[in-house]
Each structure stands twice: as C-alpha cells, then as structure tokens.
Protein backbone atom coordinates (compact mmCIF):
# COMPACT_ATOMS: atom_id res chain seq x y z
CA MET A 1 67.86 1.05 -28.28
CA PRO A 2 66.99 3.59 -30.96
CA LYS A 3 66.72 7.24 -29.29
CA PHE A 4 62.74 8.13 -29.10
CA THR A 5 61.62 11.81 -28.86
CA ILE A 6 58.20 12.92 -27.99
CA PRO A 7 56.77 15.62 -30.59
CA ASP A 8 55.61 18.47 -28.96
CA GLU A 9 51.98 17.84 -30.43
CA VAL A 10 51.51 14.49 -28.68
CA ARG A 11 53.32 15.26 -25.25
CA PRO A 12 50.12 15.56 -23.49
CA VAL A 13 48.74 12.19 -24.68
CA PHE A 14 51.84 10.41 -23.13
CA LYS A 15 51.59 12.59 -19.91
CA ALA A 16 47.73 11.80 -19.84
CA LEU A 17 48.89 7.97 -20.15
CA SER A 18 51.29 8.05 -17.33
CA ASN A 19 48.63 9.47 -15.15
CA LEU A 20 46.04 6.60 -15.97
CA ASP A 21 45.31 4.90 -12.48
CA GLN A 22 44.81 0.95 -12.46
CA ASP A 23 41.11 1.01 -13.36
CA GLU A 24 41.51 3.57 -16.35
CA SER A 25 44.36 1.50 -17.48
CA LYS A 26 42.10 -1.54 -17.28
CA ARG A 27 39.44 -0.06 -19.15
CA LEU A 28 41.75 1.12 -21.97
CA LEU A 29 42.96 -2.29 -22.25
CA GLN A 30 39.41 -4.04 -22.39
CA ALA A 31 38.36 -1.35 -25.23
CA VAL A 32 41.25 -2.18 -27.48
CA GLU A 33 41.02 -6.12 -26.85
CA SER A 34 37.26 -6.10 -27.38
CA ALA A 35 37.76 -4.16 -30.90
CA ARG A 36 38.39 -5.44 -33.98
CA PRO A 37 42.03 -5.62 -35.00
CA ASN A 38 41.99 -2.98 -37.76
CA ILE A 39 43.37 0.71 -37.57
CA ALA A 40 39.91 2.34 -37.55
CA HIS A 41 38.32 0.19 -34.95
CA LEU A 42 41.18 0.44 -32.46
CA ARG A 43 41.40 4.16 -32.82
CA ARG A 44 37.76 4.43 -32.06
CA ALA A 45 38.30 2.21 -29.03
CA ILE A 46 41.32 4.23 -27.86
CA ARG A 47 39.34 7.72 -28.23
CA GLU A 48 36.45 6.27 -26.25
CA ALA A 49 38.99 5.39 -23.56
CA ILE A 50 41.18 8.07 -23.62
CA PRO A 51 39.61 11.71 -24.17
CA GLU A 52 42.90 13.33 -24.51
CA GLU A 53 43.23 14.71 -28.38
CA ARG A 54 45.36 12.53 -30.91
CA ALA A 55 45.55 9.76 -28.00
CA ASP A 56 44.48 7.23 -31.05
CA VAL A 57 47.05 8.57 -33.45
CA ALA A 58 49.91 8.62 -31.04
CA LEU A 59 49.29 4.99 -29.61
CA VAL A 60 49.01 3.38 -33.17
CA SER A 61 51.73 5.20 -34.56
CA LEU A 62 53.95 4.48 -31.34
CA THR A 63 53.17 0.75 -31.95
CA SER A 64 54.11 0.67 -35.57
CA TRP A 65 57.34 2.63 -34.67
CA ARG A 66 58.19 0.34 -31.61
CA GLU A 67 57.60 -3.04 -33.51
CA GLY A 68 59.61 -1.75 -36.47
CA GLN A 69 62.73 -0.73 -34.35
CA GLY A 70 62.46 -4.11 -32.06
CA VAL A 71 61.71 -2.04 -28.97
CA SER A 72 59.53 -3.68 -25.96
CA PRO A 73 56.87 -2.02 -24.32
CA LYS A 74 59.09 -2.02 -21.23
CA GLU A 75 61.73 -0.40 -22.87
CA MET A 76 59.54 1.92 -24.69
CA ALA A 77 57.83 2.83 -21.50
CA ALA A 78 61.06 3.66 -19.54
CA ASP A 79 62.02 5.84 -22.56
CA ILE A 80 58.74 7.96 -22.33
CA VAL A 81 58.97 8.49 -18.63
CA ARG A 82 62.48 9.87 -19.25
CA GLU A 83 61.49 11.96 -22.20
CA LEU A 84 58.50 13.29 -20.13
CA GLY A 85 60.76 14.21 -17.08
CA ASP A 86 58.87 16.18 -14.36
CA ASP A 87 55.66 15.60 -16.26
CA ALA A 88 55.47 12.11 -15.74
CA ALA A 89 53.80 10.30 -13.09
CA ARG A 90 55.13 7.29 -11.55
CA ASN A 91 52.21 4.86 -12.97
CA ASP A 92 53.50 2.08 -15.12
CA LEU A 93 53.32 2.58 -18.68
CA THR A 94 54.10 -0.79 -19.90
CA SER A 95 50.76 -2.20 -20.04
CA PRO A 96 48.85 0.64 -21.98
CA LEU A 97 51.92 0.43 -24.56
CA SER A 98 51.63 -3.26 -25.05
CA PRO A 99 47.79 -4.46 -26.24
CA ARG A 100 48.31 -7.29 -28.64
CA ARG A 101 45.37 -6.09 -30.66
CA ILE A 102 47.16 -2.65 -31.54
CA THR A 103 50.33 -4.70 -32.49
CA LEU A 104 48.28 -6.74 -34.97
CA GLY A 105 46.35 -3.98 -36.34
CA SER A 106 49.60 -1.84 -37.03
CA LYS A 107 51.40 -4.80 -38.70
CA ALA A 108 48.44 -5.58 -40.91
CA PHE A 109 48.11 -1.93 -42.01
CA ASP A 110 51.65 -1.80 -42.54
CA ASN A 111 51.73 -4.93 -44.62
CA ALA A 112 48.97 -3.70 -46.64
CA THR A 113 50.42 -0.58 -47.38
CA GLU A 114 54.08 -1.29 -48.44
CA PHE A 115 53.77 -0.91 -52.03
CA PRO A 116 54.83 1.60 -54.43
CA ALA A 117 51.36 2.62 -55.24
CA LEU A 118 47.97 2.13 -53.59
CA CYS A 119 44.70 2.16 -55.49
CA GLU A 120 42.43 4.68 -54.28
CA ALA A 121 39.55 4.56 -56.74
CA VAL A 122 38.39 2.67 -59.91
CA ARG A 123 35.86 3.93 -62.58
CA ILE A 124 35.05 2.59 -66.18
CA PHE A 125 33.75 5.27 -68.73
CA THR A 126 31.65 3.78 -71.74
CA ASP A 127 31.62 6.05 -74.71
CA VAL A 128 30.07 5.71 -78.23
CA ARG A 129 32.45 6.70 -80.68
CA PRO A 130 31.04 7.66 -84.38
CA VAL A 131 32.95 6.52 -87.23
CA PHE A 132 32.62 8.95 -90.37
CA THR A 133 33.04 8.18 -94.05
CA GLY A 134 33.61 10.77 -96.70
CA GLU A 135 36.32 13.14 -97.54
CA GLU A 136 34.99 16.75 -97.43
CA SER A 137 33.30 18.18 -94.42
CA GLU A 138 30.14 18.47 -96.65
CA SER A 139 29.98 14.91 -97.50
CA LEU A 140 30.60 13.37 -94.22
CA THR A 141 28.16 10.62 -93.16
CA LEU A 142 28.21 8.75 -90.14
CA GLY A 143 28.82 5.45 -91.12
CA ALA A 144 29.15 3.40 -87.97
CA ALA A 145 29.45 3.81 -84.34
CA GLN A 146 31.73 1.78 -81.74
CA ILE A 147 31.38 1.45 -77.88
CA VAL A 148 34.68 2.04 -76.16
CA HIS A 149 35.57 1.48 -72.48
CA THR A 150 37.95 3.60 -70.47
CA LEU A 151 39.48 2.23 -67.16
CA LYS A 152 40.46 4.75 -64.76
CA VAL A 153 42.67 4.02 -61.75
CA SER A 154 43.57 6.49 -59.17
CA TYR A 155 46.22 5.53 -57.03
CA LEU A 156 48.57 7.12 -54.26
CA SER A 157 52.42 6.82 -55.11
CA GLU A 158 55.08 8.64 -53.14
CA GLY A 159 52.61 10.89 -51.19
CA SER A 160 50.74 12.00 -54.39
CA ASP A 161 47.63 11.38 -56.25
CA HIS A 162 48.07 10.01 -59.73
CA ASP A 163 45.53 8.53 -62.48
CA PHE A 164 46.25 6.19 -65.45
CA PHE A 165 43.82 5.39 -68.14
CA LEU A 166 43.49 2.13 -70.25
CA SER A 167 41.21 1.40 -73.10
CA LEU A 168 39.39 -1.51 -73.08
CA ASP A 169 36.90 -3.52 -75.25
CA ASP A 170 34.14 -6.12 -74.52
CA ASP A 171 36.64 -9.07 -74.20
CA ASP A 172 38.89 -6.97 -71.97
CA LEU A 173 35.99 -6.24 -69.62
CA ALA A 174 34.88 -9.96 -69.88
CA ALA A 175 38.62 -11.02 -68.90
CA LEU A 176 38.72 -8.66 -66.29
CA SER A 177 35.19 -9.73 -65.07
CA ARG A 178 36.52 -13.57 -64.84
CA GLN A 179 39.81 -12.59 -62.66
CA ILE A 180 37.39 -10.54 -60.32
CA ARG A 181 35.27 -13.45 -59.75
CA ARG A 182 38.19 -15.77 -59.41
CA ALA A 183 39.75 -13.45 -56.74
CA ARG A 184 36.71 -13.10 -54.67
CA ALA A 185 36.03 -17.00 -54.90
CA LYS A 186 39.92 -17.55 -53.45
CA ALA A 187 39.19 -14.88 -50.86
CA THR A 188 36.02 -16.79 -49.77
CA LYS A 189 37.99 -20.01 -49.67
CA ILE A 190 40.65 -18.49 -47.33
CA ARG A 191 37.90 -17.07 -44.99
CA GLU A 192 36.27 -20.75 -44.75
CA LEU A 193 39.80 -22.28 -44.18
CA LEU A 194 40.68 -19.80 -41.23
CA ALA A 195 37.17 -19.88 -39.79
CA GLY A 196 38.10 -23.30 -38.76
CA SER A 197 41.52 -22.25 -37.35
CA SER A 198 42.82 -20.16 -34.46
CA THR A 199 44.12 -17.60 -36.92
CA GLU A 200 42.18 -14.36 -37.08
CA LEU A 201 41.36 -12.66 -40.27
CA ILE A 202 42.07 -8.93 -40.28
CA ILE A 203 39.71 -7.04 -42.43
CA LEU A 204 41.18 -3.76 -43.28
CA PRO A 205 39.15 -0.56 -43.59
CA ASP A 206 39.73 1.77 -46.72
CA ALA A 207 42.53 3.91 -45.76
CA ARG A 208 40.87 6.87 -47.54
CA ASN A 209 38.01 6.52 -45.02
CA GLU A 210 40.31 6.00 -41.82
CA GLU A 211 39.89 9.38 -40.82
CA GLU A 212 35.97 9.21 -40.71
CA ASN A 213 35.73 6.01 -38.95
C-alpha cells in the first residue's frame, strides 16, 4: 500500500475523527449520505457534522487520494491510526472514511477537471469600428461603420489564469448559438433518460465558487 503521511495542518481533523463516538459517526454518515453528491454540498455537510477546521477539505482530499491509489477504507483507517500514534483513540475509523457519496463526488470532480485547460469565464464584447476614407488627415471622412464581436475566454491551465480572444462576426455568433442550443438539447435528453434509471446525475458546482458554497 502507498505510504500515507498526515500533513500537520490536518492532523487535528483525523484525531477528531478517531474520537467520534458511535452516535457522532452515525450523524456524520447521515449528513453525508443525505447531501447531493457534489463537492460543495458534501463539504457543507461535513462541516455541519464535524466542527473541526478543515475537516471537509481533509475528508474529500483523502477520499480522492485513496481512490486514486486503490486503497480500501479499512487499510486507510489502519494507516491513519498508525500515523496518529498516541493521539489516536481506539474508535474504528473505517466507517467515517467510507461514505459512498464522498467517493462519488470526488470521482465526479476529478473527471470534470482532468483537462489541460478549464474554462473560468466567457464574455463577448461588441464594438462599432469606423471605416474612414481619404488619404490626408484633413480629408478623412467617416465613410462607414462595422460591428465587430470579440469572444474572450478566461481559462485555468497548469495552475495559472490565461485569456484568449477571438474575433467573431454575426454568422459566427449564429453558429455558436446553434451549437449551444444543440448541446443544451442533448443535456436535457440525457437528463430525461437518466430520470427513469437508477443512475444518479451529478451536477457539479462551479469550481470557482466552491469555496463560497
């Protein structure tokens, strides 16, 4: 099993988890299982059940790491107890580390963010550009005007914010609008199909607002 080391800043979290009694552990599981399986709602549920600072970040991050390494909750619990040493109570940590909702939420978030670039914001600027005639400054005349659209996409890549700009005309806007309508229609159809099945649809929050939720 890959070696797991508890960072000092979240050590109190795992100490608190190891000290949960049966009723407290049950409340944590109930809070998590009743939350929607996205990161923001899961973290809110964890914060309400465990007042220890950074408990939500620690549990979600640990679940993501554990799943990525193929480590079972029982193995993870034993490793945490060994790491805590004398700070660990003798309560079983397996249960707090194994909620299915946290696993689903962590996997969904990882799937949605494993791309070279993640869109953060989109804006379209519309300008009027004058077209002048005449050669000399004294003879310049406003002969016409044109409408120009500029698409600005702000994105995150390799831990840094970036922007790129793309010039669009009215035909480009129409094509973009058609593609957006088509994508929304496909998403609606998928929701309808999933509504009649046992597969749960996970709606991810905006990662930029996650800290606020």
